[in-house]
C-alpha atoms as a PDB file:
ATOM      1  CA  ALA A   1      56.534  92.193  73.089  1.00  0.00           C
ATOM      2  CA  TRP A   2      56.009  89.198  75.337  1.00  0.00           C
ATOM      3  CA  GLY A   3      57.223  90.767  78.609  1.00  0.00           C
ATOM      4  CA  ASN A   4      57.178  87.835  81.013  1.00  0.00           C
ATOM      5  CA  ARG A   5      54.320  85.975  79.284  1.00  0.00           C
ATOM      6  CA  TYR A   6      54.640  82.601  77.599  1.00  0.00           C
ATOM      7  CA  SER A   7      52.314  80.727  75.268  1.00  0.00           C
ATOM      8  CA  ILE A   8      52.820  77.022  74.558  1.00  0.00           C
ATOM      9  CA  ASN A   9      51.110  75.462  71.555  1.00  0.00           C
ATOM     10  CA  GLY A  10      51.545  71.728  71.829  1.00  0.00           C
ATOM     11  CA  GLN A  11      50.668  68.650  69.856  1.00  0.00           C
ATOM     12  CA  ILE A  12      51.064  64.887  70.222  1.00  0.00           C
ATOM     13  CA  SER A  13      51.600  63.420  66.765  1.00  0.00           C
ATOM     14  CA  GLU A  14      50.580  59.930  67.890  1.00  0.00           C
ATOM     15  CA  PRO A  15      47.017  58.580  68.236  1.00  0.00           C
ATOM     16  CA  GLY A  16      45.306  57.669  71.478  1.00  0.00           C
ATOM     17  CA  PHE A  17      45.855  60.769  73.610  1.00  0.00           C
ATOM     18  CA  ASP A  18      42.604  62.665  73.071  1.00  0.00           C
ATOM     19  CA  GLY A  19      40.876  63.397  76.364  1.00  0.00           C
ATOM     20  CA  GLN A  20      44.075  62.808  78.328  1.00  0.00           C
ATOM     21  CA  THR A  21      45.310  65.421  80.802  1.00  0.00           C
ATOM     22  CA  VAL A  22      48.631  67.004  79.850  1.00  0.00           C
ATOM     23  CA  TYR A  23      50.719  68.424  82.701  1.00  0.00           C
ATOM     24  CA  LEU A  24      53.246  71.253  82.702  1.00  0.00           C
ATOM     25  CA  ARG A  25      55.591  70.638  85.630  1.00  0.00           C
ATOM     26  CA  ALA A  26      58.764  72.119  87.092  1.00  0.00           C
ATOM     27  CA  LEU A  27      61.796  69.956  86.378  1.00  0.00           C
ATOM     28  CA  ASP A  28      63.766  71.027  89.449  1.00  0.00           C
ATOM     29  CA  ILE A  29      61.107  70.580  92.147  1.00  0.00           C
ATOM     30  CA  ASP A  30      57.829  68.695  92.504  1.00  0.00           C
ATOM     31  CA  GLU A  31      55.442  71.393  91.312  1.00  0.00           C
ATOM     32  CA  ILE A  32      52.668  71.398  88.702  1.00  0.00           C
ATOM     33  CA  PHE A  33      52.463  74.753  86.890  1.00  0.00           C
ATOM     34  CA  ASP A  34      49.389  73.986  84.796  1.00  0.00           C
ATOM     35  CA  SER A  35      47.307  71.285  83.109  1.00  0.00           C
ATOM     36  CA  SER A  36      45.398  71.007  79.840  1.00  0.00           C
ATOM     37  CA  VAL A  37      43.281  68.381  78.087  1.00  0.00           C
ATOM     38  CA  ALA A  38      44.394  67.052  74.698  1.00  0.00           C
ATOM     39  CA  VAL A  39      41.786  67.630  71.963  1.00  0.00           C
ATOM     40  CA  ASN A  40      42.451  66.389  68.421  1.00  0.00           C
ATOM     41  CA  GLY A  41      46.044  65.786  69.454  1.00  0.00           C
ATOM     42  CA  LYS A  42      46.541  69.398  70.558  1.00  0.00           C
ATOM     43  CA  PHE A  43      46.902  71.238  73.886  1.00  0.00           C
ATOM     44  CA  SER A  44      48.008  74.669  75.078  1.00  0.00           C
ATOM     45  CA  PHE A  45      49.338  76.530  78.108  1.00  0.00           C
ATOM     46  CA  ASN A  46      49.521  80.264  78.826  1.00  0.00           C
ATOM     47  CA  GLY A  47      51.113  82.002  81.783  1.00  0.00           C
ATOM     48  CA  LYS A  48      53.830  84.220  83.188  1.00  0.00           C
ATOM     49  CA  VAL A  49      57.344  83.461  84.354  1.00  0.00           C
ATOM     50  CA  SER A  50      59.672  85.896  86.124  1.00  0.00           C
ATOM     51  CA  GLU A  51      62.814  84.103  84.958  1.00  0.00           C
ATOM     52  CA  PRO A  52      63.470  81.040  82.758  1.00  0.00           C
ATOM     53  CA  ARG A  53      62.693  77.696  84.415  1.00  0.00           C
ATOM     54  CA  MET A  54      63.399  74.129  83.286  1.00  0.00           C
ATOM     55  CA  ALA A  55      60.084  72.342  82.835  1.00  0.00           C
ATOM     56  CA  VAL A  56      58.663  69.088  81.541  1.00  0.00           C
ATOM     57  CA  ILE A  57      55.381  68.446  79.749  1.00  0.00           C
ATOM     58  CA  ASP A  58      54.028  64.936  80.165  1.00  0.00           C
ATOM     59  CA  VAL A  59      50.946  62.854  79.466  1.00  0.00           C
ATOM     60  CA  SER A  60      50.287  59.184  80.183  1.00  0.00           C
ATOM     61  CA  ASP A  61      47.628  56.545  80.557  1.00  0.00           C
ATOM     62  CA  LEU A  62      48.718  53.484  82.528  1.00  0.00           C
ATOM     63  CA  GLU A  63      45.734  51.399  81.434  1.00  0.00           C
ATOM     64  CA  LYS A  64      46.405  52.048  77.737  1.00  0.00           C
ATOM     65  CA  GLU A  65      50.164  51.776  78.404  1.00  0.00           C
ATOM     66  CA  ILE A  66      50.847  54.983  76.500  1.00  0.00           C
ATOM     67  CA  GLY A  67      52.787  58.074  77.466  1.00  0.00           C
ATOM     68  CA  CYS A  68      55.280  60.681  76.329  1.00  0.00           C
ATOM     69  CA  HIS A  69      57.096  63.662  77.747  1.00  0.00           C
ATOM     70  CA  SER A  70      59.468  66.420  76.694  1.00  0.00           C
ATOM     71  CA  ILE A  71      61.785  68.751  78.573  1.00  0.00           C
ATOM     72  CA  LEU A  72      61.733  72.447  77.662  1.00  0.00           C
ATOM     73  CA  VAL A  73      62.677  75.858  78.997  1.00  0.00           C
ATOM     74  CA  LEU A  74      59.739  77.845  80.329  1.00  0.00           C
ATOM     75  CA  GLU A  75      60.585  81.372  79.163  1.00  0.00           C
ATOM     76  CA  PRO A  76      58.728  84.340  77.643  1.00  0.00           C
ATOM     77  CA  GLY A  77      57.653  83.865  74.044  1.00  0.00           C
ATOM     78  CA  LYS A  78      55.511  81.703  71.798  1.00  0.00           C
ATOM     79  CA  ILE A  79      56.722  78.106  72.139  1.00  0.00           C
ATOM     80  CA  PHE A  80      55.786  75.141  69.956  1.00  0.00           C
ATOM     81  CA  ILE A  81      56.338  71.554  71.084  1.00  0.00           C
ATOM     82  CA  ASP A  82      55.484  68.057  69.832  1.00  0.00           C
ATOM     83  CA  LEU A  83      55.667  65.517  72.652  1.00  0.00           C
ATOM     84  CA  ALA A  84      55.935  62.539  70.305  1.00  0.00           C
ATOM     85  CA  THR A  85      58.906  63.823  68.299  1.00  0.00           C
ATOM     86  CA  ASP A  86      60.520  66.266  70.774  1.00  0.00           C
ATOM     87  CA  SER A  87      60.195  69.052  68.173  1.00  0.00           C
ATOM     88  CA  LEU A  88      60.649  72.346  69.995  1.00  0.00           C
ATOM     89  CA  SER A  89      60.918  75.944  68.821  1.00  0.00           C
ATOM     90  CA  GLY A  90      59.904  79.553  69.260  1.00  0.00           C
ATOM     91  CA  SER A  91      62.113  80.988  72.016  1.00  0.00           C
ATOM     92  CA  PRO A  92      65.898  81.498  72.238  1.00  0.00           C
ATOM     93  CA  LEU A  93      66.762  78.859  74.854  1.00  0.00           C
ATOM     94  CA  ASN A  94      64.357  76.277  73.436  1.00  0.00           C
ATOM     95  CA  ASP A  95      65.773  76.786  69.940  1.00  0.00           C
ATOM     96  CA  GLN A  96      69.203  75.980  71.412  1.00  0.00           C
ATOM     97  CA  LEU A  97      67.956  72.945  73.315  1.00  0.00           C
ATOM     98  CA  PHE A  98      66.277  71.522  70.220  1.00  0.00           C
ATOM     99  CA  GLY A  99      69.045  72.459  67.810  1.00  0.00           C
ATOM    100  CA  PHE A 100      71.852  70.910  69.834  1.00  0.00           C
ATOM    101  CA  MET A 101      70.215  68.057  71.741  1.00  0.00           C
ATOM    102  CA  TYR A 102      66.944  66.852  70.245  1.00  0.00           C
ATOM    103  CA  ASN A 103      67.798  67.432  66.601  1.00  0.00           C
ATOM    104  CA  ASP A 104      71.351  66.048  66.654  1.00  0.00           C
ATOM    105  CA  VAL A 105      71.883  63.535  63.829  1.00  0.00           C
ATOM    106  CA  GLN A 106      74.177  61.278  65.894  1.00  0.00           C
ATOM    107  CA  MET A 107      71.766  61.166  68.839  1.00  0.00           C
ATOM    108  CA  LYS A 108      68.916  60.194  66.513  1.00  0.00           C
ATOM    109  CA  GLU A 109      71.052  57.428  65.014  1.00  0.00           C
ATOM    110  CA  TYR A 110      72.025  56.041  68.431  1.00  0.00           C
ATOM    111  CA  ALA A 111      68.367  56.155  69.519  1.00  0.00           C
ATOM    112  CA  ARG A 112      67.433  54.116  66.412  1.00  0.00           C
ATOM    113  CA  GLU A 113      70.193  51.592  67.146  1.00  0.00           C
ATOM    114  CA  MET A 114      69.010  51.229  70.750  1.00  0.00           C
ATOM    115  CA  GLU A 115      65.386  50.757  69.676  1.00  0.00           C
ATOM    116  CA  THR A 116      66.341  48.159  67.050  1.00  0.00           C
ATOM    117  CA  SER A 117      68.569  46.161  69.408  1.00  0.00           C
ATOM    118  CA  TYR A 118      65.907  46.326  72.138  1.00  0.00           C
ATOM    119  CA  HIS A 119      63.345  44.760  69.767  1.00  0.00           C
ATOM    120  CA  ASP A 120      65.970  42.209  68.689  1.00  0.00           C
ATOM    121  CA  TYR A 121      66.507  41.340  72.361  1.00  0.00           C
ATOM    122  CA  VAL A 122      62.779  40.886  72.990  1.00  0.00           C
ATOM    123  CA  ASP A 123      62.350  38.773  69.841  1.00  0.00           C
ATOM    124  CA  ALA A 124      65.532  36.698  70.334  1.00  0.00           C
ATOM    125  CA  GLN A 125      64.928  32.944  70.212  1.00  0.00           C
ATOM    126  CA  THR A 126      68.305  31.857  71.606  1.00  0.00           C
ATOM    127  CA  PRO A 127      70.556  33.005  74.475  1.00  0.00           C
ATOM    128  CA  GLU A 128      73.287  33.827  71.926  1.00  0.00           C
ATOM    129  CA  LYS A 129      71.020  36.155  69.944  1.00  0.00           C
ATOM    130  CA  ARG A 130      69.763  37.735  73.151  1.00  0.00           C
ATOM    131  CA  SER A 131      73.319  38.305  74.341  1.00  0.00           C
ATOM    132  CA  ALA A 132      74.342  39.810  70.977  1.00  0.00           C
ATOM    133  CA  ALA A 133      71.346  42.170  71.009  1.00  0.00           C
ATOM    134  CA  ALA A 134      72.143  43.240  74.589  1.00  0.00           C
ATOM    135  CA  ALA A 135      75.764  43.954  73.582  1.00  0.00           C
ATOM    136  CA  LYS A 136      74.628  46.085  70.628  1.00  0.00           C
ATOM    137  CA  TYR A 137      72.234  47.997  72.865  1.00  0.00           C
ATOM    138  CA  HIS A 138      75.001  48.658  75.380  1.00  0.00           C
ATOM    139  CA  GLN A 139      77.363  49.890  72.637  1.00  0.00           C
ATOM    140  CA  ALA A 140      74.786  52.327  71.287  1.00  0.00           C
ATOM    141  CA  GLU A 141      73.900  53.483  74.806  1.00  0.00           C
ATOM    142  CA  THR A 142      77.578  54.151  75.594  1.00  0.00           C
ATOM    143  CA  LYS A 143      77.978  56.192  72.390  1.00  0.00           C
ATOM    144  CA  ALA A 144      74.759  58.096  73.123  1.00  0.00           C
ATOM    145  CA  LYS A 145      75.964  59.012  76.606  1.00  0.00           C
ATOM    146  CA  ALA A 146      79.283  60.283  75.252  1.00  0.00           C
ATOM    147  CA  GLN A 147      77.515  62.344  72.578  1.00  0.00           C
ATOM    148  CA  LYS A 148      75.080  63.738  75.142  1.00  0.00           C
ATOM    149  CA  VAL A 149      78.057  64.885  77.225  1.00  0.00           C
ATOM    150  CA  ASN A 150      79.622  66.591  74.177  1.00  0.00           C
ATOM    151  CA  LEU A 151      76.379  68.391  73.304  1.00  0.00           C
ATOM    152  CA  SER A 152      75.740  69.346  76.936  1.00  0.00           C
ATOM    153  CA  ARG A 153      79.231  70.829  77.168  1.00  0.00           C
ATOM    154  CA  ILE A 154      78.511  73.070  74.174  1.00  0.00           C
ATOM    155  CA  ILE A 155      75.151  74.186  75.603  1.00  0.00           C
ATOM    156  CA  TYR A 156      76.738  74.867  79.001  1.00  0.00           C
ATOM    157  CA  SER A 157      79.557  76.951  77.501  1.00  0.00           C
ATOM    158  CA  ARG A 158      76.963  79.186  75.797  1.00  0.00           C
ATOM    159  CA  ASN A 159      74.661  79.541  78.823  1.00  0.00           C
ATOM    160  CA  LEU A 160      76.865  80.284  81.832  1.00  0.00           C
ATOM    161  CA  ASP A 161      74.283  82.577  83.441  1.00  0.00           C
ATOM    162  CA  ASN A 162      70.921  80.852  82.970  1.00  0.00           C
ATOM    163  CA  VAL A 163      68.985  77.714  83.840  1.00  0.00           C
ATOM    164  CA  LEU A 164      69.641  76.011  80.483  1.00  0.00           C
ATOM    165  CA  GLY A 165      73.335  76.065  81.382  1.00  0.00           C
ATOM    166  CA  ALA A 166      72.451  74.501  84.737  1.00  0.00           C
ATOM    167  CA  HIS A 167      70.453  71.764  83.026  1.00  0.00           C
ATOM    168  CA  ALA A 168      73.295  71.123  80.553  1.00  0.00           C
ATOM    169  CA  LEU A 169      75.798  70.780  83.395  1.00  0.00           C
ATOM    170  CA  PHE A 170      73.378  68.421  85.158  1.00  0.00           C
ATOM    171  CA  MET A 171      73.198  66.296  81.980  1.00  0.00           C
ATOM    172  CA  MET A 172      77.007  66.090  81.987  1.00  0.00           C
ATOM    173  CA  VAL A 173      76.882  64.785  85.569  1.00  0.00           C
ATOM    174  CA  GLU A 174      74.126  62.276  84.793  1.00  0.00           C
ATOM    175  CA  ASN A 175      76.078  60.894  81.843  1.00  0.00           C
ATOM    176  CA  ASP A 176      79.372  60.568  83.747  1.00  0.00           C
ATOM    177  CA  GLY A 177      80.946  63.426  81.807  1.00  0.00           C
ATOM    178  CA  ILE A 178      82.492  65.460  84.619  1.00  0.00           C
ATOM    179  CA  SER A 179      84.535  64.663  87.736  1.00  0.00           C
ATOM    180  CA  PHE A 180      83.466  65.707  91.216  1.00  0.00           C
ATOM    181  CA  ASP A 181      86.410  68.101  91.572  1.00  0.00           C
ATOM    182  CA  SER A 182      85.609  69.808  88.259  1.00  0.00           C
ATOM    183  CA  LEU A 183      81.921  70.124  89.145  1.00  0.00           C
ATOM    184  CA  ASP A 184      82.758  71.468  92.587  1.00  0.00           C
ATOM    185  CA  HIS A 185      85.044  74.105  91.069  1.00  0.00           C
ATOM    186  CA  LEU A 186      82.447  75.160  88.491  1.00  0.00           C
ATOM    187  CA  LEU A 187      79.674  75.466  91.093  1.00  0.00           C
ATOM    188  CA  ALA A 188      81.890  77.491  93.434  1.00  0.00           C
ATOM    189  CA  ASN A 189      82.401  80.074  90.678  1.00  0.00           C
ATOM    190  CA  ALA A 190      79.028  79.825  88.912  1.00  0.00           C
ATOM    191  CA  LYS A 191      76.316  82.450  88.524  1.00  0.00           C
ATOM    192  CA  PRO A 192      73.285  81.999  90.864  1.00  0.00           C
ATOM    193  CA  ALA A 193      71.052  80.495  88.135  1.00  0.00           C
ATOM    194  CA  ILE A 194      73.499  77.593  87.890  1.00  0.00           C
ATOM    195  CA  ALA A 195      74.879  77.380  91.444  1.00  0.00           C
ATOM    196  CA  ASN A 196      71.356  77.276  92.958  1.00  0.00           C
ATOM    197  CA  TYR A 197      69.797  74.764  90.542  1.00  0.00           C
ATOM    198  CA  THR A 198      68.378  72.096  92.860  1.00  0.00           C
ATOM    199  CA  PRO A 199      69.007  68.978  90.684  1.00  0.00           C
ATOM    200  CA  LEU A 200      72.609  70.084  90.214  1.00  0.00           C
ATOM    201  CA  ARG A 201      73.182  70.589  93.932  1.00  0.00           C
ATOM    202  CA  ASP A 202      71.611  67.193  94.642  1.00  0.00           C
ATOM    203  CA  ALA A 203      73.813  65.630  91.955  1.00  0.00           C
ATOM    204  CA  ARG A 204      76.898  67.217  93.525  1.00  0.00           C
ATOM    205  CA  THR A 205      76.009  65.613  96.870  1.00  0.00           C
ATOM    206  CA  ARG A 206      75.380  62.265  95.186  1.00  0.00           C
ATOM    207  CA  ILE A 207      78.668  62.120  93.312  1.00  0.00           C
ATOM    208  CA  PHE A 208      80.499  63.263  96.462  1.00  0.00           C
ATOM    209  CA  HIS A 209      79.126  60.182  98.251  1.00  0.00           C
ATOM    210  CA  LEU A 210      79.665  58.018  95.164  1.00  0.00           C
ATOM    211  CA  ASN A 211      83.307  59.123  95.171  1.00  0.00           C
ATOM    212  CA  ASN A 212      83.531  58.462  98.884  1.00  0.00           C
ATOM    213  CA  THR A 213      82.283  54.882  98.552  1.00  0.00           C
ATOM    214  CA  SER A 214      84.170  53.874  95.428  1.00  0.00           C
ATOM    215  CA  GLN A 215      86.925  51.305  94.955  1.00  0.00           C
ATOM    216  CA  GLY A 216      89.991  52.045  97.060  1.00  0.00           C
ATOM    217  CA  LYS A 217      88.151  54.105  99.733  1.00  0.00           C
ATOM    218  CA  LYS A 218      87.395  52.933 103.281  1.00  0.00           C
ATOM    219  CA  TYR A 219      83.780  51.904 103.783  1.00  0.00           C
ATOM    220  CA  THR A 220      81.449  54.530 105.278  1.00  0.00           C
ATOM    221  CA  ASP A 221      79.883  53.641 108.606  1.00  0.00           C
ATOM    222  CA  LEU A 222      76.139  54.052 109.116  1.00  0.00           C
ATOM    223  CA  GLN A 223      73.532  53.441 111.778  1.00  0.00           C
ATOM    224  CA  GLY A 224      70.459  51.236 111.662  1.00  0.00           C
ATOM    225  CA  ILE A 225      68.575  48.567 113.574  1.00  0.00           C
ATOM    226  CA  ASN A 226      70.280  45.227 114.116  1.00  0.00           C
ATOM    227  CA  PHE A 227      67.574  42.782 113.033  1.00  0.00           C
ATOM    228  CA  ALA A 228      68.885  40.102 115.407  1.00  0.00           C
ATOM    229  CA  THR A 229      68.522  42.288 118.520  1.00  0.00           C
ATOM    230  CA  GLY A 230      65.998  44.950 117.486  1.00  0.00           C
ATOM    231  CA  ARG A 231      68.375  47.611 118.790  1.00  0.00           C
ATOM    232  CA  LYS A 232      70.228  50.465 117.139  1.00  0.00           C
ATOM    233  CA  THR A 233      73.743  49.652 116.079  1.00  0.00           C
ATOM    234  CA  ASN A 234      76.420  50.702 113.607  1.00  0.00           C
ATOM    235  CA  LEU A 235      77.468  48.828 110.488  1.00  0.00           C
ATOM    236  CA  SER A 236      80.999  48.751 111.929  1.00  0.00           C
ATOM    237  CA  ASN A 237      79.714  46.618 114.827  1.00  0.00           C
ATOM    238  CA  LEU A 238      78.560  43.937 112.364  1.00  0.00           C
ATOM    239  CA  ILE A 239      81.777  43.888 110.345  1.00  0.00           C
ATOM    240  CA  LYS A 240      84.148  41.282 111.758  1.00  0.00           C
ATOM    241  CA  ASP A 241      87.842  42.030 112.050  1.00  0.00           C
ATOM    242  CA  GLY A 242      90.033  40.148 109.599  1.00  0.00           C
ATOM    243  CA  GLN A 243      87.140  39.063 107.369  1.00  0.00           C
ATOM    244  CA  ILE A 244      86.196  39.947 103.825  1.00  0.00           C
ATOM    245  CA  THR A 245      82.718  41.474 103.864  1.00  0.00           C
ATOM    246  CA  VAL A 246      79.977  41.576 101.245  1.00  0.00           C
ATOM    247  CA  LEU A 247      77.468  44.412 101.738  1.00  0.00           C
ATOM    248  CA  ASP A 248      74.133  43.774 100.041  1.00  0.00           C
ATOM    249  CA  PHE A 249      71.823  46.807  99.897  1.00  0.00           C
ATOM    250  CA  TRP A 250      68.316  45.500  99.262  1.00  0.00           C
ATOM    251  CA  ALA A 251      64.604  45.615 100.169  1.00  0.00           C
ATOM    252  CA  SER A 252      61.941  42.927 100.487  1.00  0.00           C
ATOM    253  CA  TRP A 253      59.742  44.441  97.742  1.00  0.00           C
ATOM    254  CA  CYS A 254      62.544  44.277  95.137  1.00  0.00           C
ATOM    255  CA  PRO A 255      62.312  41.084  92.976  1.00  0.00           C
ATOM    256  CA  PRO A 256      65.927  41.279  91.650  1.00  0.00           C
ATOM    257  CA  CYS A 257      67.116  41.652  95.264  1.00  0.00           C
ATOM    258  CA  ARG A 258      65.250  38.544  96.360  1.00  0.00           C
ATOM    259  CA  LYS A 259      66.538  36.592  93.355  1.00  0.00           C
ATOM    260  CA  ALA A 260      70.134  37.637  94.112  1.00  0.00           C
ATOM    261  CA  ILE A 261      69.759  36.578  97.747  1.00  0.00           C
ATOM    262  CA  SER A 262      68.161  33.178  97.130  1.00  0.00           C
ATOM    263  CA  GLU A 263      70.237  32.180  94.099  1.00  0.00           C
ATOM    264  CA  SER A 264      73.615  33.693  94.981  1.00  0.00           C
ATOM    265  CA  LEU A 265      74.144  35.302  98.372  1.00  0.00           C
ATOM    266  CA  VAL A 266      72.674  32.586 100.613  1.00  0.00           C
ATOM    267  CA  PRO A 267      74.624  29.786  98.838  1.00  0.00           C
ATOM    268  CA  ILE A 268      77.796  31.919  98.840  1.00  0.00           C
ATOM    269  CA  TYR A 269      77.444  32.635 102.570  1.00  0.00           C
ATOM    270  CA  ASN A 270      76.975  28.955 103.385  1.00  0.00           C
ATOM    271  CA  LYS A 271      80.017  28.068 101.270  1.00  0.00           C
ATOM    272  CA  TYR A 272      82.438  30.747 102.538  1.00  0.00           C
ATOM    273  CA  LYS A 273      81.290  31.728 106.056  1.00  0.00           C
ATOM    274  CA  ASP A 274      83.939  29.483 107.624  1.00  0.00           C
ATOM    275  CA  LYS A 275      86.633  30.702 105.220  1.00  0.00           C
ATOM    276  CA  GLY A 276      86.875  34.312 106.385  1.00  0.00           C
ATOM    277  CA  VAL A 277      83.895  35.786 104.517  1.00  0.00           C
ATOM    278  CA  ASN A 278      80.904  37.606 106.005  1.00  0.00           C
ATOM    279  CA  ILE A 279      77.785  38.967 104.302  1.00  0.00           C
ATOM    280  CA  ILE A 280      75.739  41.825 105.741  1.00  0.00           C
ATOM    281  CA  GLY A 281      72.327  42.675 104.326  1.00  0.00           C
ATOM    282  CA  ILE A 282      71.343  46.343 104.568  1.00  0.00           C
ATOM    283  CA  ASP A 283      67.615  46.820 104.055  1.00  0.00           C
ATOM    284  CA  VAL A 284      67.293  50.361 102.720  1.00  0.00           C
ATOM    285  CA  ASP A 285      63.510  50.746 102.609  1.00  0.00           C
ATOM    286  CA  ASP A 286      61.159  48.445 104.493  1.00  0.00           C
ATOM    287  CA  GLU A 287      58.792  47.889 107.372  1.00  0.00           C
ATOM    288  CA  ILE A 288      60.209  45.593 110.061  1.00  0.00           C
ATOM    289  CA  ALA A 289      57.409  43.033 109.584  1.00  0.00           C
ATOM    290  CA  LYS A 290      58.006  42.793 105.827  1.00  0.00           C
ATOM    291  CA  HIS A 291      61.744  42.488 106.371  1.00  0.00           C
ATOM    292  CA  LYS A 292      61.149  39.730 108.927  1.00  0.00           C
ATOM    293  CA  GLN A 293      58.952  37.775 106.515  1.00  0.00           C
ATOM    294  CA  ALA A 294      61.520  38.108 103.721  1.00  0.00           C
ATOM    295  CA  VAL A 295      64.344  36.871 105.974  1.00  0.00           C
ATOM    296  CA  LYS A 296      62.233  33.810 106.759  1.00  0.00           C
ATOM    297  CA  ASP A 297      61.131  33.189 103.152  1.00  0.00           C
ATOM    298  CA  LEU A 298      64.656  33.552 101.758  1.00  0.00           C
ATOM    299  CA  ASN A 299      66.391  31.549 104.525  1.00  0.00           C
ATOM    300  CA  ILE A 300      68.775  34.412 105.330  1.00  0.00           C
ATOM    301  CA  THR A 301      71.086  33.587 108.236  1.00  0.00           C
ATOM    302  CA  TYR A 302      73.705  36.334 107.843  1.00  0.00           C
ATOM    303  CA  PRO A 303      73.457  39.664 109.756  1.00  0.00           C
ATOM    304  CA  GLN A 304      70.899  42.280 108.745  1.00  0.00           C
ATOM    305  CA  LEU A 305      70.957  46.027 109.327  1.00  0.00           C
ATOM    306  CA  ILE A 306      67.655  47.826 108.764  1.00  0.00           C
ATOM    307  CA  ASP A 307      68.036  51.449 107.705  1.00  0.00           C
ATOM    308  CA  THR A 308      65.022  53.432 108.906  1.00  0.00           C
ATOM    309  CA  THR A 309      66.305  56.901 107.947  1.00  0.00           C
ATOM    310  CA  SER A 310      67.418  56.493 104.281  1.00  0.00           C
ATOM    311  CA  ASN A 311      70.955  57.300 105.430  1.00  0.00           C
ATOM    312  CA  ALA A 312      72.346  54.335 103.523  1.00  0.00           C
ATOM    313  CA  THR A 313      70.752  55.509 100.286  1.00  0.00           C
ATOM    314  CA  SER A 314      72.405  58.919 100.484  1.00  0.00           C
ATOM    315  CA  LEU A 315      75.734  57.931 102.093  1.00  0.00           C
ATOM    316  CA  TYR A 316      76.312  55.218  99.490  1.00  0.00           C
ATOM    317  CA  ALA A 317      74.730  57.197  96.603  1.00  0.00           C
ATOM    318  CA  ILE A 318      72.357  54.323  95.850  1.00  0.00           C
ATOM    319  CA  GLN A 319      70.208  54.736  92.748  1.00  0.00           C
ATOM    320  CA  ASN A 320      69.294  51.102  92.139  1.00  0.00           C
ATOM    321  CA  ILE A 321      69.112  47.971  94.258  1.00  0.00           C
ATOM    322  CA  PRO A 322      70.466  45.435  94.723  1.00  0.00           C
ATOM    323  CA  LEU A 323      73.803  47.159  95.181  1.00  0.00           C
ATOM    324  CA  VAL A 324      76.633  44.827  96.198  1.00  0.00           C
ATOM    325  CA  ILE A 325      79.921  46.141  97.634  1.00  0.00           C
ATOM    326  CA  LEU A 326      82.939  43.985  98.493  1.00  0.00           C
ATOM    327  CA  ILE A 327      85.133  45.132 101.388  1.00  0.00           C
ATOM    328  CA  ASP A 328      88.611  43.835 102.207  1.00  0.00           C
ATOM    329  CA  LYS A 329      89.492  42.773 105.749  1.00  0.00           C
ATOM    330  CA  ASP A 330      91.146  46.165 106.405  1.00  0.00           C
ATOM    331  CA  GLY A 331      87.918  48.037 105.499  1.00  0.00           C
ATOM    332  CA  THR A 332      88.974  49.063 101.979  1.00  0.00           C
ATOM    333  CA  ILE A 333      86.321  48.835  99.260  1.00  0.00           C
ATOM    334  CA  LEU A 334      87.510  46.311  96.668  1.00  0.00           C
ATOM    335  CA  ALA A 335      84.543  46.599  94.304  1.00  0.00           C
ATOM    336  CA  ARG A 336      81.330  48.600  94.099  1.00  0.00           C
ATOM    337  CA  ASP A 337      78.176  47.643  92.210  1.00  0.00           C
ATOM    338  CA  LEU A 338      79.357  44.075  91.680  1.00  0.00           C
ATOM    339  CA  PRO A 339      77.183  42.133  89.208  1.00  0.00           C
ATOM    340  CA  ILE A 340      75.567  39.207  91.006  1.00  0.00           C
ATOM    341  CA  GLU A 341      77.234  36.666  88.726  1.00  0.00           C
ATOM    342  CA  ASP A 342      80.693  38.071  89.585  1.00  0.00           C
ATOM    343  CA  ILE A 343      80.423  38.046  93.392  1.00  0.00           C
ATOM    344  CA  GLU A 344      81.843  34.584  94.052  1.00  0.00           C
ATOM    345  CA  GLN A 345      84.848  35.073  91.751  1.00  0.00           C
ATOM    346  CA  ALA A 346      85.566  38.441  93.392  1.00  0.00           C
ATOM    347  CA  ILE A 347      85.512  36.743  96.812  1.00  0.00           C
ATOM    348  CA  VAL A 348      87.844  33.984  95.603  1.00  0.00           C
ATOM    349  CA  ASP A 349      90.253  36.595  94.172  1.00  0.00           C
ATOM    350  CA  ALA A 350      90.199  38.605  97.415  1.00  0.00           C
ATOM    351  CA  LEU A 351      90.876  35.525  99.559  1.00  0.00           C
ATOM    352  CA  LYS A 352      93.752  34.552  97.269  1.00  0.00           C
ATOM    353  CA  GLU A 353      95.190  38.084  97.386  1.00  0.00           C
ATOM    354  CA  ASN A 354      95.082  38.093 101.190  1.00  0.00           C
ATOM    355  CA  ASP A 355      96.786  34.682 101.329  1.00  0.00           C
ATOM    356  CA  ASN A 356      99.630  36.097  99.227  1.00  0.00           C
ATOM    357  CA  LYS A 357     100.178  39.115 101.472  1.00  0.00           C
END
């Protein structure tokens, strides 16, 4: 009856969104399919789609600090969605997505636990209470990730030939629920709707590089501009033979990066530079002038490599900065994504280990 036509009746069961523009976007690429204005908490979209697509509907107002969004499958049929509650129904793939993922009792419980512990963290009056709230949040988040992997696995197994299966497999990757080798094997034998899903292919590349730069692997060389000389050079030219090396991936506009440098990395460098330890800053996203000002402001005296091509971001699968990697004197990665507070102890342990060899 619907052919290739879809109709989306939407609502936002929260106040404050009237007059706001609601967007229907592709989830796999940066493309806006349609837009609508919310009136009395309702909006609608109508159109055609040649094959199912993963999409997202979102609305936000930065000044009011409000916003919500929901992921859905854009497929023929009459679809209902509530952006505030993630209620979704009316077409076969969306009924699956809602039934398994959005309406799962365990997921709702973990979401409540995370929300409660987040508010407890914000309201905490002592470091102990703050720490306890953070621990509870982390526990609930870990359980939620595991449950999301379980649900995604079920959805994937039932949708081996369509885009919902691709999205489910992507969710498994994003929640650390599948190894690179397993993903690679699945993609090699998958139907086109899954094998050609852009986020999944990008995720495959990312976890390949994540694998390649994990503990126990040799560091990956990369090219950039040596801040000291202004000339192109390789990371390997800045790494000194026989020294333990700390790689700090950062940028001048990143407050946590600056804090880590001023409070930890600069003092650590001054303390250990004559004891066989080198630090190399790798600026992943900056203008030379801004980098230069930051080096001056933060009193950085250790070598700096400026990446002008985003190679470092892809080769080291960087999603957040600062990212700190510890490399042994033979080039082996000892630790990846080291918490700032653990860097010095990791250096001490590595020096001790090398003394015992």
